[in-house]
């Protein structure tokens, strides 16, 4: 169950980042219904998987430094 929640939160985070509509970290944590600590853990995990996540302190939003898709799952050959 925990892994399903994490995957759903990754999807929500990805959508917010792609739209550049995350808000400040505390606001984003509320949007995905998690603690600030958990949010930072998710962002760290996503970065370790290659997501080029940055934060714009003037626009108060996270964004991807380059275009791409954050994909979780198995892709058969």
PDB file of N, CA and C in Angstrom:
ATOM      1  N   UNK A   1       0.810  -1.194   0.000  1.00  0.00           N
ATOM      2  CA  UNK A   1       0.000   0.000   0.000  1.00  0.00           C
ATOM      3  C   UNK A   1       0.854   1.260   0.000  1.00  0.00           C
ATOM      4  N   UNK A   2       1.933   1.259   0.808  1.00  0.00           N
ATOM      5  CA  UNK A   2       2.790   2.444   0.864  1.00  0.00           C
ATOM      6  C   UNK A   2       3.390   2.770  -0.495  1.00  0.00           C
ATOM      7  N   UNK A   3       3.822   1.730  -1.221  1.00  0.00           N
ATOM      8  CA  UNK A   3       4.441   1.987  -2.518  1.00  0.00           C
ATOM      9  C   UNK A   3       3.424   2.560  -3.504  1.00  0.00           C
ATOM     10  N   UNK A   4       2.166   2.147  -3.396  1.00  0.00           N
ATOM     11  CA  UNK A   4       1.131   2.688  -4.286  1.00  0.00           C
ATOM     12  C   UNK A   4       0.920   4.177  -3.995  1.00  0.00           C
ATOM     13  N   UNK A   5       0.921   4.548  -2.717  1.00  0.00           N
ATOM     14  CA  UNK A   5       0.770   5.955  -2.334  1.00  0.00           C
ATOM     15  C   UNK A   5       1.937   6.764  -2.868  1.00  0.00           C
ATOM     16  N   UNK A   6       3.147   6.225  -2.735  1.00  0.00           N
ATOM     17  CA  UNK A   6       4.328   6.935  -3.227  1.00  0.00           C
ATOM     18  C   UNK A   6       4.248   7.134  -4.736  1.00  0.00           C
ATOM     19  N   UNK A   7       3.838   6.110  -5.462  1.00  0.00           N
ATOM     20  CA  UNK A   7       3.736   6.216  -6.924  1.00  0.00           C
ATOM     21  C   UNK A   7       2.683   7.254  -7.303  1.00  0.00           C
ATOM     22  N   UNK A   8       1.547   7.249  -6.625  1.00  0.00           N
ATOM     23  CA  UNK A   8       0.516   8.246  -6.899  1.00  0.00           C
ATOM     24  C   UNK A   8       1.036   9.654  -6.607  1.00  0.00           C
ATOM     25  N   UNK A   9       1.804   9.797  -5.534  1.00  0.00           N
ATOM     26  CA  UNK A   9       2.363  11.112  -5.211  1.00  0.00           C
ATOM     27  C   UNK A   9       3.411  11.538  -6.227  1.00  0.00           C
ATOM     28  N   UNK A  10       4.215  10.595  -6.732  1.00  0.00           N
ATOM     29  CA  UNK A  10       5.165  10.929  -7.800  1.00  0.00           C
ATOM     30  C   UNK A  10       4.404  11.473  -9.009  1.00  0.00           C
ATOM     31  N   UNK A  11       3.288  10.845  -9.342  1.00  0.00           N
ATOM     32  CA  UNK A  11       2.492  11.288 -10.491  1.00  0.00           C
ATOM     33  C   UNK A  11       1.962  12.700 -10.262  1.00  0.00           C
ATOM     34  N   UNK A  12       1.448  12.959  -9.047  1.00  0.00           N
ATOM     35  CA  UNK A  12       0.934  14.291  -8.731  1.00  0.00           C
ATOM     36  C   UNK A  12       2.044  15.337  -8.789  1.00  0.00           C
ATOM     37  N   UNK A  13       3.189  14.989  -8.217  1.00  0.00           N
ATOM     38  CA  UNK A  13       4.332  15.910  -8.222  1.00  0.00           C
ATOM     39  C   UNK A  13       4.754  16.201  -9.649  1.00  0.00           C
ATOM     40  N   UNK A  14       4.865  15.160 -10.464  1.00  0.00           N
ATOM     41  CA  UNK A  14       5.264  15.321 -11.858  1.00  0.00           C
ATOM     42  C   UNK A  14       4.300  16.249 -12.588  1.00  0.00           C
ATOM     43  N   UNK A  15       3.014  16.066 -12.365  1.00  0.00           N
ATOM     44  CA  UNK A  15       2.007  16.907 -13.030  1.00  0.00           C
ATOM     45  C   UNK A  15       2.149  18.367 -12.600  1.00  0.00           C
ATOM     46  N   UNK A  16       2.306  18.600 -11.305  1.00  0.00           N
ATOM     47  CA  UNK A  16       2.462  19.973 -10.814  1.00  0.00           C
ATOM     48  C   UNK A  16       3.733  20.619 -11.354  1.00  0.00           C
ATOM     49  N   UNK A  17       4.829  19.860 -11.371  1.00  0.00           N
ATOM     50  CA  UNK A  17       6.091  20.400 -11.879  1.00  0.00           C
ATOM     51  C   UNK A  17       5.981  20.693 -13.369  1.00  0.00           C
ATOM     52  N   UNK A  18       5.403  19.772 -14.125  1.00  0.00           N
ATOM     53  CA  UNK A  18       5.260  19.964 -15.573  1.00  0.00           C
ATOM     54  C   UNK A  18       4.437  21.210 -15.885  1.00  0.00           C
ATOM     55  N   UNK A  19       3.432  21.506 -15.051  1.00  0.00           N
ATOM     56  CA  UNK A  19       2.594  22.689 -15.255  1.00  0.00           C
ATOM     57  C   UNK A  19       3.206  23.942 -14.628  1.00  0.00           C
ATOM     58  N   UNK A  20       4.329  23.756 -13.920  1.00  0.00           N
ATOM     59  CA  UNK A  20       4.984  24.857 -13.189  1.00  0.00           C
ATOM     60  C   UNK A  20       3.975  25.523 -12.263  1.00  0.00           C
ATOM     61  N   UNK A  21       3.284  24.669 -11.498  1.00  0.00           N
ATOM     62  CA  UNK A  21       2.215  25.128 -10.626  1.00  0.00           C
ATOM     63  C   UNK A  21       2.331  24.495  -9.238  1.00  0.00           C
ATOM     64  N   UNK A  22       3.564  24.366  -8.740  1.00  0.00           N
ATOM     65  CA  UNK A  22       3.740  23.696  -7.453  1.00  0.00           C
ATOM     66  C   UNK A  22       3.484  24.609  -6.274  1.00  0.00           C
ATOM     67  N   UNK A  23       3.778  25.896  -6.431  1.00  0.00           N
ATOM     68  CA  UNK A  23       3.760  26.799  -5.293  1.00  0.00           C
ATOM     69  C   UNK A  23       5.014  26.566  -4.460  1.00  0.00           C
ATOM     70  N   UNK A  24       5.065  27.226  -3.316  1.00  0.00           N
ATOM     71  CA  UNK A  24       6.187  27.036  -2.400  1.00  0.00           C
ATOM     72  C   UNK A  24       6.141  25.609  -1.855  1.00  0.00           C
ATOM     73  N   UNK A  25       7.275  25.101  -1.344  1.00  0.00           N
ATOM     74  CA  UNK A  25       7.280  23.715  -0.856  1.00  0.00           C
ATOM     75  C   UNK A  25       6.151  23.385   0.117  1.00  0.00           C
ATOM     76  N   UNK A  26       5.870  24.259   1.072  1.00  0.00           N
ATOM     77  CA  UNK A  26       4.791  23.979   2.030  1.00  0.00           C
ATOM     78  C   UNK A  26       3.440  23.892   1.331  1.00  0.00           C
ATOM     79  N   UNK A  27       3.216  24.723   0.318  1.00  0.00           N
ATOM     80  CA  UNK A  27       1.968  24.687  -0.446  1.00  0.00           C
ATOM     81  C   UNK A  27       1.868  23.398  -1.253  1.00  0.00           C
ATOM     82  N   UNK A  28       2.985  22.990  -1.817  1.00  0.00           N
ATOM     83  CA  UNK A  28       3.009  21.768  -2.605  1.00  0.00           C
ATOM     84  C   UNK A  28       2.730  20.552  -1.721  1.00  0.00           C
ATOM     85  N   UNK A  29       3.279  20.540  -0.530  1.00  0.00           N
ATOM     86  CA  UNK A  29       3.037  19.436   0.397  1.00  0.00           C
ATOM     87  C   UNK A  29       1.541  19.316   0.701  1.00  0.00           C
ATOM     88  N   UNK A  30       0.875  20.438   0.856  1.00  0.00           N
ATOM     89  CA  UNK A  30      -0.573  20.424   1.089  1.00  0.00           C
ATOM     90  C   UNK A  30      -1.295  19.885  -0.142  1.00  0.00           C
ATOM     91  N   UNK A  31      -0.862  20.299  -1.332  1.00  0.00           N
ATOM     92  CA  UNK A  31      -1.511  19.853  -2.571  1.00  0.00           C
ATOM     93  C   UNK A  31      -1.444  18.343  -2.744  1.00  0.00           C
ATOM     94  N   UNK A  32      -0.334  17.725  -2.298  1.00  0.00           N
ATOM     95  CA  UNK A  32      -0.235  16.268  -2.458  1.00  0.00           C
ATOM     96  C   UNK A  32      -0.509  15.532  -1.154  1.00  0.00           C
ATOM     97  N   UNK A  33      -0.911  16.283  -0.122  1.00  0.00           N
ATOM     98  CA  UNK A  33      -1.326  15.709   1.159  1.00  0.00           C
ATOM     99  C   UNK A  33      -0.219  14.890   1.831  1.00  0.00           C
ATOM    100  N   UNK A  34       0.917  15.548   2.032  1.00  0.00           N
ATOM    101  CA  UNK A  34       2.018  14.910   2.742  1.00  0.00           C
ATOM    102  C   UNK A  34       2.754  15.961   3.568  1.00  0.00           C
ATOM    103  N   UNK A  35       3.663  15.507   4.396  1.00  0.00           N
ATOM    104  CA  UNK A  35       4.454  16.447   5.193  1.00  0.00           C
ATOM    105  C   UNK A  35       5.537  17.076   4.321  1.00  0.00           C
ATOM    106  N   UNK A  36       6.087  18.155   4.788  1.00  0.00           N
ATOM    107  CA  UNK A  36       7.180  18.825   4.079  1.00  0.00           C
ATOM    108  C   UNK A  36       8.388  17.900   3.979  1.00  0.00           C
ATOM    109  N   UNK A  37       8.677  17.185   5.049  1.00  0.00           N
ATOM    110  CA  UNK A  37       9.792  16.228   5.048  1.00  0.00           C
ATOM    111  C   UNK A  37       9.588  15.153   3.994  1.00  0.00           C
ATOM    112  N   UNK A  38       8.371  14.628   3.907  1.00  0.00           N
ATOM    113  CA  UNK A  38       8.068  13.601   2.911  1.00  0.00           C
ATOM    114  C   UNK A  38       8.187  14.168   1.502  1.00  0.00           C
ATOM    115  N   UNK A  39       7.724  15.389   1.300  1.00  0.00           N
ATOM    116  CA  UNK A  39       7.851  16.024  -0.010  1.00  0.00           C
ATOM    117  C   UNK A  39       9.320  16.104  -0.423  1.00  0.00           C
ATOM    118  N   UNK A  40      10.177  16.563   0.485  1.00  0.00           N
ATOM    119  CA  UNK A  40      11.597  16.670   0.156  1.00  0.00           C
ATOM    120  C   UNK A  40      12.208  15.291  -0.126  1.00  0.00           C
ATOM    121  N   UNK A  41      11.719  14.279   0.558  1.00  0.00           N
ATOM    122  CA  UNK A  41      12.183  12.905   0.285  1.00  0.00           C
ATOM    123  C   UNK A  41      11.781  12.492  -1.122  1.00  0.00           C
ATOM    124  N   UNK A  42      10.517  12.756  -1.495  1.00  0.00           N
ATOM    125  CA  UNK A  42      10.057  12.426  -2.850  1.00  0.00           C
ATOM    126  C   UNK A  42      10.881  13.162  -3.907  1.00  0.00           C
ATOM    127  N   UNK A  43      11.108  14.451  -3.709  1.00  0.00           N
ATOM    128  CA  UNK A  43      11.886  15.226  -4.684  1.00  0.00           C
ATOM    129  C   UNK A  43      13.306  14.685  -4.792  1.00  0.00           C
ATOM    130  N   UNK A  44      13.891  14.322  -3.678  1.00  0.00           N
ATOM    131  CA  UNK A  44      15.238  13.745  -3.686  1.00  0.00           C
ATOM    132  C   UNK A  44      15.258  12.418  -4.440  1.00  0.00           C
ATOM    133  N   UNK A  45      14.248  11.593  -4.210  1.00  0.00           N
ATOM    134  CA  UNK A  45      14.161  10.308  -4.918  1.00  0.00           C
ATOM    135  C   UNK A  45      14.003  10.528  -6.412  1.00  0.00           C
ATOM    136  N   UNK A  46      13.143  11.472  -6.792  1.00  0.00           N
ATOM    137  CA  UNK A  46      12.940  11.751  -8.212  1.00  0.00           C
ATOM    138  C   UNK A  46      14.231  12.261  -8.854  1.00  0.00           C
ATOM    139  N   UNK A  47      14.955  13.104  -8.139  1.00  0.00           N
ATOM    140  CA  UNK A  47      16.242  13.591  -8.659  1.00  0.00           C
ATOM    141  C   UNK A  47      17.235  12.437  -8.816  1.00  0.00           C
ATOM    142  N   UNK A  48      17.245  11.522  -7.856  1.00  0.00           N
ATOM    143  CA  UNK A  48      18.174  10.392  -7.943  1.00  0.00           C
ATOM    144  C   UNK A  48      17.831   9.468  -9.108  1.00  0.00           C
ATOM    145  N   UNK A  49      16.576   9.544  -9.579  1.00  0.00           N
ATOM    146  CA  UNK A  49      16.153   8.760 -10.750  1.00  0.00           C
ATOM    147  C   UNK A  49      16.367   9.537 -12.044  1.00  0.00           C
ATOM    148  N   UNK A  50      16.998  10.706 -11.946  1.00  0.00           N
ATOM    149  CA  UNK A  50      17.355  11.460 -13.143  1.00  0.00           C
ATOM    150  C   UNK A  50      16.498  12.665 -13.463  1.00  0.00           C
ATOM    151  N   UNK A  51      15.498  12.957 -12.658  1.00  0.00           N
ATOM    152  CA  UNK A  51      14.637  14.108 -12.951  1.00  0.00           C
ATOM    153  C   UNK A  51      15.386  15.410 -12.640  1.00  0.00           C
ATOM    154  N   UNK A  52      15.534  16.282 -13.642  1.00  0.00           N
ATOM    155  CA  UNK A  52      16.275  17.537 -13.446  1.00  0.00           C
ATOM    156  C   UNK A  52      15.395  18.616 -12.814  1.00  0.00           C
ATOM    157  N   UNK A  53      15.048  18.414 -11.555  1.00  0.00           N
ATOM    158  CA  UNK A  53      14.123  19.309 -10.855  1.00  0.00           C
ATOM    159  C   UNK A  53      14.884  20.483 -10.251  1.00  0.00           C
ATOM    160  N   UNK A  54      14.377  21.675 -10.510  1.00  0.00           N
ATOM    161  CA  UNK A  54      14.947  22.910  -9.956  1.00  0.00           C
ATOM    162  C   UNK A  54      13.810  23.723  -9.340  1.00  0.00           C
ATOM    163  N   UNK A  55      14.161  24.730  -8.557  1.00  0.00           N
ATOM    164  CA  UNK A  55      13.159  25.590  -7.928  1.00  0.00           C
ATOM    165  C   UNK A  55      13.416  27.028  -8.330  1.00  0.00           C
ATOM    166  N   UNK A  56      12.374  27.718  -8.781  1.00  0.00           N
ATOM    167  CA  UNK A  56      12.469  29.127  -9.124  1.00  0.00           C
ATOM    168  C   UNK A  56      11.935  29.928  -7.942  1.00  0.00           C
ATOM    169  N   UNK A  57      12.847  30.571  -7.220  1.00  0.00           N
ATOM    170  CA  UNK A  57      12.441  31.270  -5.995  1.00  0.00           C
ATOM    171  C   UNK A  57      11.659  32.553  -6.269  1.00  0.00           C
ATOM    172  N   UNK A  58      11.700  33.045  -7.486  1.00  0.00           N
ATOM    173  CA  UNK A  58      10.940  34.255  -7.828  1.00  0.00           C
ATOM    174  C   UNK A  58       9.508  33.919  -8.228  1.00  0.00           C
ATOM    175  N   UNK A  59       9.343  32.792  -8.930  1.00  0.00           N
ATOM    176  CA  UNK A  59       8.004  32.359  -9.346  1.00  0.00           C
ATOM    177  C   UNK A  59       7.381  31.385  -8.346  1.00  0.00           C
ATOM    178  N   UNK A  60       8.156  30.981  -7.355  1.00  0.00           N
ATOM    179  CA  UNK A  60       7.697  30.060  -6.312  1.00  0.00           C
ATOM    180  C   UNK A  60       7.132  28.775  -6.898  1.00  0.00           C
ATOM    181  N   UNK A  61       7.944  28.134  -7.718  1.00  0.00           N
ATOM    182  CA  UNK A  61       7.521  26.864  -8.293  1.00  0.00           C
ATOM    183  C   UNK A  61       8.732  26.008  -8.650  1.00  0.00           C
ATOM    184  N   UNK A  62       8.534  24.705  -8.559  1.00  0.00           N
ATOM    185  CA  UNK A  62       9.527  23.767  -9.074  1.00  0.00           C
ATOM    186  C   UNK A  62       9.283  23.639 -10.564  1.00  0.00           C
ATOM    187  N   UNK A  63      10.324  23.266 -11.296  1.00  0.00           N
ATOM    188  CA  UNK A  63      10.203  23.063 -12.737  1.00  0.00           C
ATOM    189  C   UNK A  63      11.260  22.067 -13.173  1.00  0.00           C
ATOM    190  N   UNK A  64      11.075  21.499 -14.363  1.00  0.00           N
ATOM    191  CA  UNK A  64      12.085  20.621 -14.946  1.00  0.00           C
ATOM    192  C   UNK A  64      13.045  21.484 -15.750  1.00  0.00           C
ATOM    193  N   UNK A  65      14.332  21.293 -15.516  1.00  0.00           N
ATOM    194  CA  UNK A  65      15.358  22.074 -16.194  1.00  0.00           C
ATOM    195  C   UNK A  65      15.395  21.783 -17.695  1.00  0.00           C
ATOM    196  N   UNK A  66      14.937  20.615 -18.076  1.00  0.00           N
ATOM    197  CA  UNK A  66      14.834  20.274 -19.497  1.00  0.00           C
ATOM    198  C   UNK A  66      13.540  19.507 -19.711  1.00  0.00           C
ATOM    199  N   UNK A  67      13.053  19.504 -20.948  1.00  0.00           N
ATOM    200  CA  UNK A  67      11.803  18.818 -21.250  1.00  0.00           C
ATOM    201  C   UNK A  67      11.993  17.311 -21.172  1.00  0.00           C
ATOM    202  N   UNK A  68      10.953  16.645 -20.749  1.00  0.00           N
ATOM    203  CA  UNK A  68      11.008  15.190 -20.650  1.00  0.00           C
ATOM    204  C   UNK A  68       9.806  14.684 -19.872  1.00  0.00           C
ATOM    205  N   UNK A  69       9.771  13.390 -19.675  1.00  0.00           N
ATOM    206  CA  UNK A  69       8.688  12.741 -18.949  1.00  0.00           C
ATOM    207  C   UNK A  69       9.265  11.939 -17.798  1.00  0.00           C
ATOM    208  N   UNK A  70       8.623  12.007 -16.661  1.00  0.00           N
ATOM    209  CA  UNK A  70       9.002  11.185 -15.524  1.00  0.00           C
ATOM    210  C   UNK A  70       8.120   9.945 -15.577  1.00  0.00           C
ATOM    211  N   UNK A  71       8.744   8.789 -15.812  1.00  0.00           N
ATOM    212  CA  UNK A  71       7.989   7.546 -16.016  1.00  0.00           C
ATOM    213  C   UNK A  71       8.390   6.551 -14.940  1.00  0.00           C
ATOM    214  N   UNK A  72       7.379   5.954 -14.317  1.00  0.00           N
ATOM    215  CA  UNK A  72       7.604   4.893 -13.340  1.00  0.00           C
ATOM    216  C   UNK A  72       6.909   3.655 -13.876  1.00  0.00           C
ATOM    217  N   UNK A  73       7.647   2.589 -14.020  1.00  0.00           N
ATOM    218  CA  UNK A  73       7.012   1.360 -14.458  1.00  0.00           C
ATOM    219  C   UNK A  73       7.900   0.543 -15.365  1.00  0.00           C
ATOM    220  N   UNK A  74       7.357  -0.546 -15.811  1.00  0.00           N
ATOM    221  CA  UNK A  74       8.076  -1.489 -16.661  1.00  0.00           C
ATOM    222  C   UNK A  74       7.665  -1.276 -18.103  1.00  0.00           C
ATOM    223  N   UNK A  75       8.659  -1.220 -18.977  1.00  0.00           N
ATOM    224  CA  UNK A  75       8.395  -1.117 -20.414  1.00  0.00           C
ATOM    225  C   UNK A  75       8.982  -2.336 -21.105  1.00  0.00           C
ATOM    226  N   UNK A  76       8.152  -3.204 -21.626  1.00  0.00           N
ATOM    227  CA  UNK A  76       8.674  -4.390 -22.308  1.00  0.00           C
ATOM    228  C   UNK A  76       9.403  -4.001 -23.597  1.00  0.00           C
ATOM    229  N   UNK A  77      10.335  -4.820 -23.985  1.00  0.00           N
ATOM    230  CA  UNK A  77      11.114  -4.551 -25.206  1.00  0.00           C
ATOM    231  C   UNK A  77      10.341  -4.919 -26.437  1.00  0.00           C
TER     232      UNK A  77
END
